[in-house]
Amino acid sequence: MRNSVVGKMVFKYMNIEAERARAGLSKGELAKLLSASTRTYYNWIKGATPIPHTVLLRMKELFQTSIDYLLEERDDTKNPF
């Protein structure tokens, strides 16, 4: 699967970023809620380091969505229709 590019950052998990934005949280604010540094959060959404299961469970609760949805990777080259 292809990673999505936002600005100059490449994100593997765009749904996490979308939910963060919908919640009106900055990356730093969400990182703090997850008891992580902003750098660690960036590494998670870029796919550079694995997201701990405890963090995924917390995000699931915060965003009231499934972990499958949060970890869904997107391939922007395919037409869904």
PDB file of N, CA and C in Angstrom:
ATOM      1  N   MET A   1       0.838  -1.185   0.000  1.00  0.00           N
ATOM      2  CA  MET A   1       0.000   0.000   0.000  1.00  0.00           C
ATOM      3  C   MET A   1       0.877   1.241   0.000  1.00  0.00           C
ATOM      4  N   ARG A   2       0.343   2.266  -0.550  1.00  0.00           N
ATOM      5  CA  ARG A   2       1.068   3.524  -0.660  1.00  0.00           C
ATOM      6  C   ARG A   2       0.776   4.414   0.533  1.00  0.00           C
ATOM      7  N   ASN A   3       1.790   5.135   0.974  1.00  0.00           N
ATOM      8  CA  ASN A   3       1.607   6.105   2.051  1.00  0.00           C
ATOM      9  C   ASN A   3       1.042   7.391   1.476  1.00  0.00           C
ATOM     10  N   SER A   4       0.320   8.153   2.261  1.00  0.00           N
ATOM     11  CA  SER A   4      -0.235   9.422   1.835  1.00  0.00           C
ATOM     12  C   SER A   4       0.696  10.555   2.247  1.00  0.00           C
ATOM     13  N   VAL A   5       0.779  11.560   1.395  1.00  0.00           N
ATOM     14  CA  VAL A   5       1.648  12.700   1.658  1.00  0.00           C
ATOM     15  C   VAL A   5       0.803  13.899   2.041  1.00  0.00           C
ATOM     16  N   VAL A   6       1.124  14.515   3.166  1.00  0.00           N
ATOM     17  CA  VAL A   6       0.469  15.741   3.610  1.00  0.00           C
ATOM     18  C   VAL A   6       1.578  16.758   3.797  1.00  0.00           C
ATOM     19  N   GLY A   7       1.564  17.829   2.980  1.00  0.00           N
ATOM     20  CA  GLY A   7       2.681  18.767   3.031  1.00  0.00           C
ATOM     21  C   GLY A   7       3.935  18.021   2.653  1.00  0.00           C
ATOM     22  N   LYS A   8       4.939  18.037   3.500  1.00  0.00           N
ATOM     23  CA  LYS A   8       6.157  17.274   3.250  1.00  0.00           C
ATOM     24  C   LYS A   8       6.246  16.032   4.118  1.00  0.00           C
ATOM     25  N   MET A   9       5.219  15.791   4.932  1.00  0.00           N
ATOM     26  CA  MET A   9       5.197  14.616   5.803  1.00  0.00           C
ATOM     27  C   MET A   9       4.498  13.464   5.085  1.00  0.00           C
ATOM     28  N   VAL A  10       5.020  12.268   5.251  1.00  0.00           N
ATOM     29  CA  VAL A  10       4.416  11.073   4.678  1.00  0.00           C
ATOM     30  C   VAL A  10       3.778  10.291   5.819  1.00  0.00           C
ATOM     31  N   PHE A  11       2.466  10.095   5.727  1.00  0.00           N
ATOM     32  CA  PHE A  11       1.731   9.397   6.769  1.00  0.00           C
ATOM     33  C   PHE A  11       1.228   8.058   6.258  1.00  0.00           C
ATOM     34  N   LYS A  12       1.441   7.030   7.049  1.00  0.00           N
ATOM     35  CA  LYS A  12       0.942   5.699   6.714  1.00  0.00           C
ATOM     36  C   LYS A  12      -0.502   5.535   7.167  1.00  0.00           C
ATOM     37  N   TYR A  13      -0.814   6.138   8.305  1.00  0.00           N
ATOM     38  CA  TYR A  13      -2.143   5.963   8.903  1.00  0.00           C
ATOM     39  C   TYR A  13      -2.930   7.269   8.848  1.00  0.00           C
ATOM     40  N   MET A  14      -3.506   7.552   7.695  1.00  0.00           N
ATOM     41  CA  MET A  14      -4.236   8.805   7.481  1.00  0.00           C
ATOM     42  C   MET A  14      -5.509   8.892   8.302  1.00  0.00           C
ATOM     43  N   ASN A  15      -6.131   7.761   8.634  1.00  0.00           N
ATOM     44  CA  ASN A  15      -7.367   7.817   9.423  1.00  0.00           C
ATOM     45  C   ASN A  15      -7.105   8.316  10.836  1.00  0.00           C
ATOM     46  N   ILE A  16      -5.952   7.997  11.389  1.00  0.00           N
ATOM     47  CA  ILE A  16      -5.603   8.519  12.710  1.00  0.00           C
ATOM     48  C   ILE A  16      -5.485  10.032  12.628  1.00  0.00           C
ATOM     49  N   GLU A  17      -4.814  10.516  11.598  1.00  0.00           N
ATOM     50  CA  GLU A  17      -4.671  11.965  11.417  1.00  0.00           C
ATOM     51  C   GLU A  17      -6.016  12.629  11.171  1.00  0.00           C
ATOM     52  N   ALA A  18      -6.880  11.977  10.406  1.00  0.00           N
ATOM     53  CA  ALA A  18      -8.210  12.543  10.128  1.00  0.00           C
ATOM     54  C   ALA A  18      -9.025  12.650  11.415  1.00  0.00           C
ATOM     55  N   GLU A  19      -8.987  11.621  12.234  1.00  0.00           N
ATOM     56  CA  GLU A  19      -9.739  11.645  13.495  1.00  0.00           C
ATOM     57  C   GLU A  19      -9.164  12.678  14.457  1.00  0.00           C
ATOM     58  N   ARG A  20      -7.855  12.825  14.475  1.00  0.00           N
ATOM     59  CA  ARG A  20      -7.229  13.843  15.318  1.00  0.00           C
ATOM     60  C   ARG A  20      -7.721  15.227  14.926  1.00  0.00           C
ATOM     61  N   ALA A  21      -7.735  15.493  13.625  1.00  0.00           N
ATOM     62  CA  ALA A  21      -8.181  16.796  13.125  1.00  0.00           C
ATOM     63  C   ALA A  21      -9.671  17.010  13.432  1.00  0.00           C
ATOM     64  N   ARG A  22     -10.492  15.984  13.232  1.00  0.00           N
ATOM     65  CA  ARG A  22     -11.928  16.088  13.542  1.00  0.00           C
ATOM     66  C   ARG A  22     -12.166  16.419  15.005  1.00  0.00           C
ATOM     67  N   ALA A  23     -11.299  15.899  15.860  1.00  0.00           N
ATOM     68  CA  ALA A  23     -11.427  16.144  17.300  1.00  0.00           C
ATOM     69  C   ALA A  23     -10.891  17.519  17.686  1.00  0.00           C
ATOM     70  N   GLY A  24     -10.298  18.215  16.737  1.00  0.00           N
ATOM     71  CA  GLY A  24      -9.776  19.556  17.016  1.00  0.00           C
ATOM     72  C   GLY A  24      -8.511  19.554  17.866  1.00  0.00           C
ATOM     73  N   LEU A  25      -7.757  18.462  17.780  1.00  0.00           N
ATOM     74  CA  LEU A  25      -6.532  18.345  18.568  1.00  0.00           C
ATOM     75  C   LEU A  25      -5.298  18.576  17.704  1.00  0.00           C
ATOM     76  N   SER A  26      -4.304  19.225  18.269  1.00  0.00           N
ATOM     77  CA  SER A  26      -3.016  19.318  17.584  1.00  0.00           C
ATOM     78  C   SER A  26      -2.304  17.980  17.765  1.00  0.00           C
ATOM     79  N   LYS A  27      -1.266  17.761  16.983  1.00  0.00           N
ATOM     80  CA  LYS A  27      -0.495  16.527  17.130  1.00  0.00           C
ATOM     81  C   LYS A  27       0.095  16.437  18.538  1.00  0.00           C
ATOM     82  N   GLY A  28       0.565  17.549  19.050  1.00  0.00           N
ATOM     83  CA  GLY A  28       1.125  17.582  20.398  1.00  0.00           C
ATOM     84  C   GLY A  28       0.091  17.290  21.471  1.00  0.00           C
ATOM     85  N   GLU A  29      -1.121  17.830  21.291  1.00  0.00           N
ATOM     86  CA  GLU A  29      -2.192  17.583  22.266  1.00  0.00           C
ATOM     87  C   GLU A  29      -2.579  16.104  22.299  1.00  0.00           C
ATOM     88  N   LEU A  30      -2.697  15.509  21.106  1.00  0.00           N
ATOM     89  CA  LEU A  30      -3.047  14.090  21.064  1.00  0.00           C
ATOM     90  C   LEU A  30      -1.916  13.255  21.663  1.00  0.00           C
ATOM     91  N   ALA A  31      -0.689  13.596  21.331  1.00  0.00           N
ATOM     92  CA  ALA A  31       0.449  12.867  21.897  1.00  0.00           C
ATOM     93  C   ALA A  31       0.398  12.903  23.425  1.00  0.00           C
ATOM     94  N   LYS A  32       0.110  14.062  23.965  1.00  0.00           N
ATOM     95  CA  LYS A  32       0.034  14.200  25.424  1.00  0.00           C
ATOM     96  C   LYS A  32      -1.083  13.333  25.999  1.00  0.00           C
ATOM     97  N   LEU A  33      -2.247  13.311  25.333  1.00  0.00           N
ATOM     98  CA  LEU A  33      -3.353  12.456  25.785  1.00  0.00           C
ATOM     99  C   LEU A  33      -2.979  10.980  25.744  1.00  0.00           C
ATOM    100  N   LEU A  34      -2.054  10.639  24.847  1.00  0.00           N
ATOM    101  CA  LEU A  34      -1.622   9.254  24.699  1.00  0.00           C
ATOM    102  C   LEU A  34      -0.368   8.956  25.517  1.00  0.00           C
ATOM    103  N   SER A  35       0.046   9.931  26.342  1.00  0.00           N
ATOM    104  CA  SER A  35       1.247   9.798  27.179  1.00  0.00           C
ATOM    105  C   SER A  35       2.496   9.520  26.349  1.00  0.00           C
ATOM    106  N   ALA A  36       2.623  10.260  25.266  1.00  0.00           N
ATOM    107  CA  ALA A  36       3.765  10.098  24.362  1.00  0.00           C
ATOM    108  C   ALA A  36       4.301  11.474  23.976  1.00  0.00           C
ATOM    109  N   SER A  37       5.504  11.482  23.442  1.00  0.00           N
ATOM    110  CA  SER A  37       6.056  12.729  22.917  1.00  0.00           C
ATOM    111  C   SER A  37       5.500  12.962  21.515  1.00  0.00           C
ATOM    112  N   THR A  38       5.584  14.190  21.060  1.00  0.00           N
ATOM    113  CA  THR A  38       5.131  14.507  19.700  1.00  0.00           C
ATOM    114  C   THR A  38       5.954  13.726  18.681  1.00  0.00           C
ATOM    115  N   ARG A  39       7.251  13.590  18.920  1.00  0.00           N
ATOM    116  CA  ARG A  39       8.118  12.828  18.004  1.00  0.00           C
ATOM    117  C   ARG A  39       7.662  11.369  17.910  1.00  0.00           C
ATOM    118  N   THR A  40       7.321  10.785  19.044  1.00  0.00           N
ATOM    119  CA  THR A  40       6.843   9.404  19.048  1.00  0.00           C
ATOM    120  C   THR A  40       5.554   9.293  18.251  1.00  0.00           C
ATOM    121  N   TYR A  41       4.646  10.259  18.430  1.00  0.00           N
ATOM    122  CA  TYR A  41       3.387  10.251  17.672  1.00  0.00           C
ATOM    123  C   TYR A  41       3.670  10.297  16.172  1.00  0.00           C
ATOM    124  N   TYR A  42       4.569  11.194  15.752  1.00  0.00           N
ATOM    125  CA  TYR A  42       4.938  11.267  14.333  1.00  0.00           C
ATOM    126  C   TYR A  42       5.472   9.922  13.836  1.00  0.00           C
ATOM    127  N   ASN A  43       6.318   9.283  14.625  1.00  0.00           N
ATOM    128  CA  ASN A  43       6.868   7.992  14.217  1.00  0.00           C
ATOM    129  C   ASN A  43       5.774   6.940  14.065  1.00  0.00           C
ATOM    130  N   TRP A  44       4.771   6.991  14.937  1.00  0.00           N
ATOM    131  CA  TRP A  44       3.662   6.050  14.811  1.00  0.00           C
ATOM    132  C   TRP A  44       2.887   6.264  13.522  1.00  0.00           C
ATOM    133  N   ILE A  45       2.474   7.499  13.229  1.00  0.00           N
ATOM    134  CA  ILE A  45       1.610   7.717  12.062  1.00  0.00           C
ATOM    135  C   ILE A  45       2.373   7.600  10.750  1.00  0.00           C
ATOM    136  N   LYS A  46       3.700   7.749  10.807  1.00  0.00           N
ATOM    137  CA  LYS A  46       4.518   7.528   9.613  1.00  0.00           C
ATOM    138  C   LYS A  46       4.786   6.046   9.392  1.00  0.00           C
ATOM    139  N   GLY A  47       4.512   5.225  10.405  1.00  0.00           N
ATOM    140  CA  GLY A  47       4.784   3.806  10.298  1.00  0.00           C
ATOM    141  C   GLY A  47       6.235   3.465  10.604  1.00  0.00           C
ATOM    142  N   ALA A  48       6.981   4.424  11.169  1.00  0.00           N
ATOM    143  CA  ALA A  48       8.391   4.193  11.477  1.00  0.00           C
ATOM    144  C   ALA A  48       8.561   3.284  12.692  1.00  0.00           C
ATOM    145  N   THR A  49       7.628   3.361  13.627  1.00  0.00           N
ATOM    146  CA  THR A  49       7.632   2.491  14.803  1.00  0.00           C
ATOM    147  C   THR A  49       6.218   1.976  15.023  1.00  0.00           C
ATOM    148  N   PRO A  50       6.089   0.765  15.556  1.00  0.00           N
ATOM    149  CA  PRO A  50       4.747   0.226  15.794  1.00  0.00           C
ATOM    150  C   PRO A  50       4.009   0.990  16.896  1.00  0.00           C
ATOM    151  N   ILE A  51       2.709   1.067  16.736  1.00  0.00           N
ATOM    152  CA  ILE A  51       1.869   1.714  17.741  1.00  0.00           C
ATOM    153  C   ILE A  51       1.512   0.658  18.795  1.00  0.00           C
ATOM    154  N   PRO A  52       1.837   0.904  20.058  1.00  0.00           N
ATOM    155  CA  PRO A  52       1.512  -0.080  21.107  1.00  0.00           C
ATOM    156  C   PRO A  52       0.002  -0.339  21.190  1.00  0.00           C
ATOM    157  N   HIS A  53      -0.352  -1.567  21.534  1.00  0.00           N
ATOM    158  CA  HIS A  53      -1.781  -1.918  21.585  1.00  0.00           C
ATOM    159  C   HIS A  53      -2.531  -1.072  22.608  1.00  0.00           C
ATOM    160  N   THR A  54      -1.866  -0.688  23.699  1.00  0.00           N
ATOM    161  CA  THR A  54      -2.535   0.146  24.706  1.00  0.00           C
ATOM    162  C   THR A  54      -2.877   1.522  24.133  1.00  0.00           C
ATOM    163  N   VAL A  55      -2.029   2.020  23.257  1.00  0.00           N
ATOM    164  CA  VAL A  55      -2.276   3.323  22.611  1.00  0.00           C
ATOM    165  C   VAL A  55      -3.416   3.182  21.603  1.00  0.00           C
ATOM    166  N   LEU A  56      -3.426   2.095  20.860  1.00  0.00           N
ATOM    167  CA  LEU A  56      -4.515   1.867  19.906  1.00  0.00           C
ATOM    168  C   LEU A  56      -5.858   1.779  20.627  1.00  0.00           C
ATOM    169  N   LEU A  57      -5.879   1.103  21.764  1.00  0.00           N
ATOM    170  CA  LEU A  57      -7.117   1.016  22.544  1.00  0.00           C
ATOM    171  C   LEU A  57      -7.553   2.392  23.035  1.00  0.00           C
ATOM    172  N   ARG A  58      -6.612   3.219  23.448  1.00  0.00           N
ATOM    173  CA  ARG A  58      -6.931   4.578  23.907  1.00  0.00           C
ATOM    174  C   ARG A  58      -7.479   5.420  22.751  1.00  0.00           C
ATOM    175  N   MET A  59      -6.855   5.318  21.562  1.00  0.00           N
ATOM    176  CA  MET A  59      -7.347   6.060  20.391  1.00  0.00           C
ATOM    177  C   MET A  59      -8.745   5.591  20.007  1.00  0.00           C
ATOM    178  N   LYS A  60      -8.972   4.292  20.097  1.00  0.00           N
ATOM    179  CA  LYS A  60     -10.306   3.747  19.799  1.00  0.00           C
ATOM    180  C   LYS A  60     -11.351   4.386  20.705  1.00  0.00           C
ATOM    181  N   GLU A  61     -11.022   4.517  21.983  1.00  0.00           N
ATOM    182  CA  GLU A  61     -11.942   5.141  22.934  1.00  0.00           C
ATOM    183  C   GLU A  61     -12.113   6.632  22.665  1.00  0.00           C
ATOM    184  N   LEU A  62     -11.003   7.311  22.449  1.00  0.00           N
ATOM    185  CA  LEU A  62     -11.054   8.761  22.209  1.00  0.00           C
ATOM    186  C   LEU A  62     -11.896   9.118  20.993  1.00  0.00           C
ATOM    187  N   PHE A  63     -11.681   8.357  19.907  1.00  0.00           N
ATOM    188  CA  PHE A  63     -12.331   8.692  18.633  1.00  0.00           C
ATOM    189  C   PHE A  63     -13.611   7.899  18.397  1.00  0.00           C
ATOM    190  N   GLN A  64     -13.938   6.978  19.297  1.00  0.00           N
ATOM    191  CA  GLN A  64     -15.134   6.146  19.180  1.00  0.00           C
ATOM    192  C   GLN A  64     -15.234   5.493  17.802  1.00  0.00           C
ATOM    193  N   THR A  65     -14.179   4.786  17.460  1.00  0.00           N
ATOM    194  CA  THR A  65     -14.101   4.089  16.184  1.00  0.00           C
ATOM    195  C   THR A  65     -13.360   2.777  16.390  1.00  0.00           C
ATOM    196  N   SER A  66     -13.213   2.005  15.340  1.00  0.00           N
ATOM    197  CA  SER A  66     -12.529   0.715  15.470  1.00  0.00           C
ATOM    198  C   SER A  66     -11.024   0.863  15.223  1.00  0.00           C
ATOM    199  N   ILE A  67     -10.289  -0.058  15.789  1.00  0.00           N
ATOM    200  CA  ILE A  67      -8.846  -0.087  15.546  1.00  0.00           C
ATOM    201  C   ILE A  67      -8.579  -0.414  14.081  1.00  0.00           C
ATOM    202  N   ASP A  68      -9.389  -1.290  13.498  1.00  0.00           N
ATOM    203  CA  ASP A  68      -9.233  -1.608  12.071  1.00  0.00           C
ATOM    204  C   ASP A  68      -9.316  -0.348  11.217  1.00  0.00           C
ATOM    205  N   TYR A  69     -10.288   0.500  11.514  1.00  0.00           N
ATOM    206  CA  TYR A  69     -10.431   1.756  10.777  1.00  0.00           C
ATOM    207  C   TYR A  69      -9.193   2.639  10.973  1.00  0.00           C
ATOM    208  N   LEU A  70      -8.726   2.773  12.204  1.00  0.00           N
ATOM    209  CA  LEU A  70      -7.580   3.637  12.474  1.00  0.00           C
ATOM    210  C   LEU A  70      -6.332   3.170  11.739  1.00  0.00           C
ATOM    211  N   LEU A  71      -6.168   1.865  11.598  1.00  0.00           N
ATOM    212  CA  LEU A  71      -4.966   1.320  10.968  1.00  0.00           C
ATOM    213  C   LEU A  71      -5.116   1.057   9.477  1.00  0.00           C
ATOM    214  N   GLU A  72      -6.265   1.387   8.928  1.00  0.00           N
ATOM    215  CA  GLU A  72      -6.488   1.168   7.503  1.00  0.00           C
ATOM    216  C   GLU A  72      -5.503   1.995   6.687  1.00  0.00           C
ATOM    217  N   GLU A  73      -4.832   1.320   5.776  1.00  0.00           N
ATOM    218  CA  GLU A  73      -3.913   2.011   4.881  1.00  0.00           C
ATOM    219  C   GLU A  73      -4.647   2.327   3.591  1.00  0.00           C
ATOM    220  N   ARG A  74      -4.304   3.433   2.998  1.00  0.00           N
ATOM    221  CA  ARG A  74      -4.976   3.861   1.774  1.00  0.00           C
ATOM    222  C   ARG A  74      -4.040   3.761   0.585  1.00  0.00           C
ATOM    223  N   ASP A  75      -4.584   3.326  -0.526  1.00  0.00           N
ATOM    224  CA  ASP A  75      -3.854   3.346  -1.785  1.00  0.00           C
ATOM    225  C   ASP A  75      -4.564   4.355  -2.671  1.00  0.00           C
ATOM    226  N   ASP A  76      -4.007   5.553  -2.742  1.00  0.00           N
ATOM    227  CA  ASP A  76      -4.652   6.648  -3.469  1.00  0.00           C
ATOM    228  C   ASP A  76      -4.679   6.451  -4.978  1.00  0.00           C
ATOM    229  N   THR A  77      -4.006   5.412  -5.484  1.00  0.00           N
ATOM    230  CA  THR A  77      -3.970   5.208  -6.928  1.00  0.00           C
ATOM    231  C   THR A  77      -5.161   4.399  -7.411  1.00  0.00           C
ATOM    232  N   LYS A  78      -5.911   3.768  -6.501  1.00  0.00           N
ATOM    233  CA  LYS A  78      -7.065   2.944  -6.899  1.00  0.00           C
ATOM    234  C   LYS A  78      -8.339   3.751  -6.814  1.00  0.00           C
ATOM    235  N   ASN A  79      -9.203   3.560  -7.762  1.00  0.00           N
ATOM    236  CA  ASN A  79     -10.507   4.188  -7.768  1.00  0.00           C
ATOM    237  C   ASN A  79     -11.480   3.271  -7.028  1.00  0.00           C
ATOM    238  N   PRO A  80     -12.099   3.738  -5.953  1.00  0.00           N
ATOM    239  CA  PRO A  80     -12.978   2.859  -5.179  1.00  0.00           C
ATOM    240  C   PRO A  80     -14.298   2.522  -5.868  1.00  0.00           C
ATOM    241  N   PHE A  81     -14.580   3.139  -6.993  1.00  0.00           N
ATOM    242  CA  PHE A  81     -15.863   2.923  -7.665  1.00  0.00           C
ATOM    243  C   PHE A  81     -15.744   2.019  -8.844  1.00  0.00           C
TER     244      PHE A  81
END
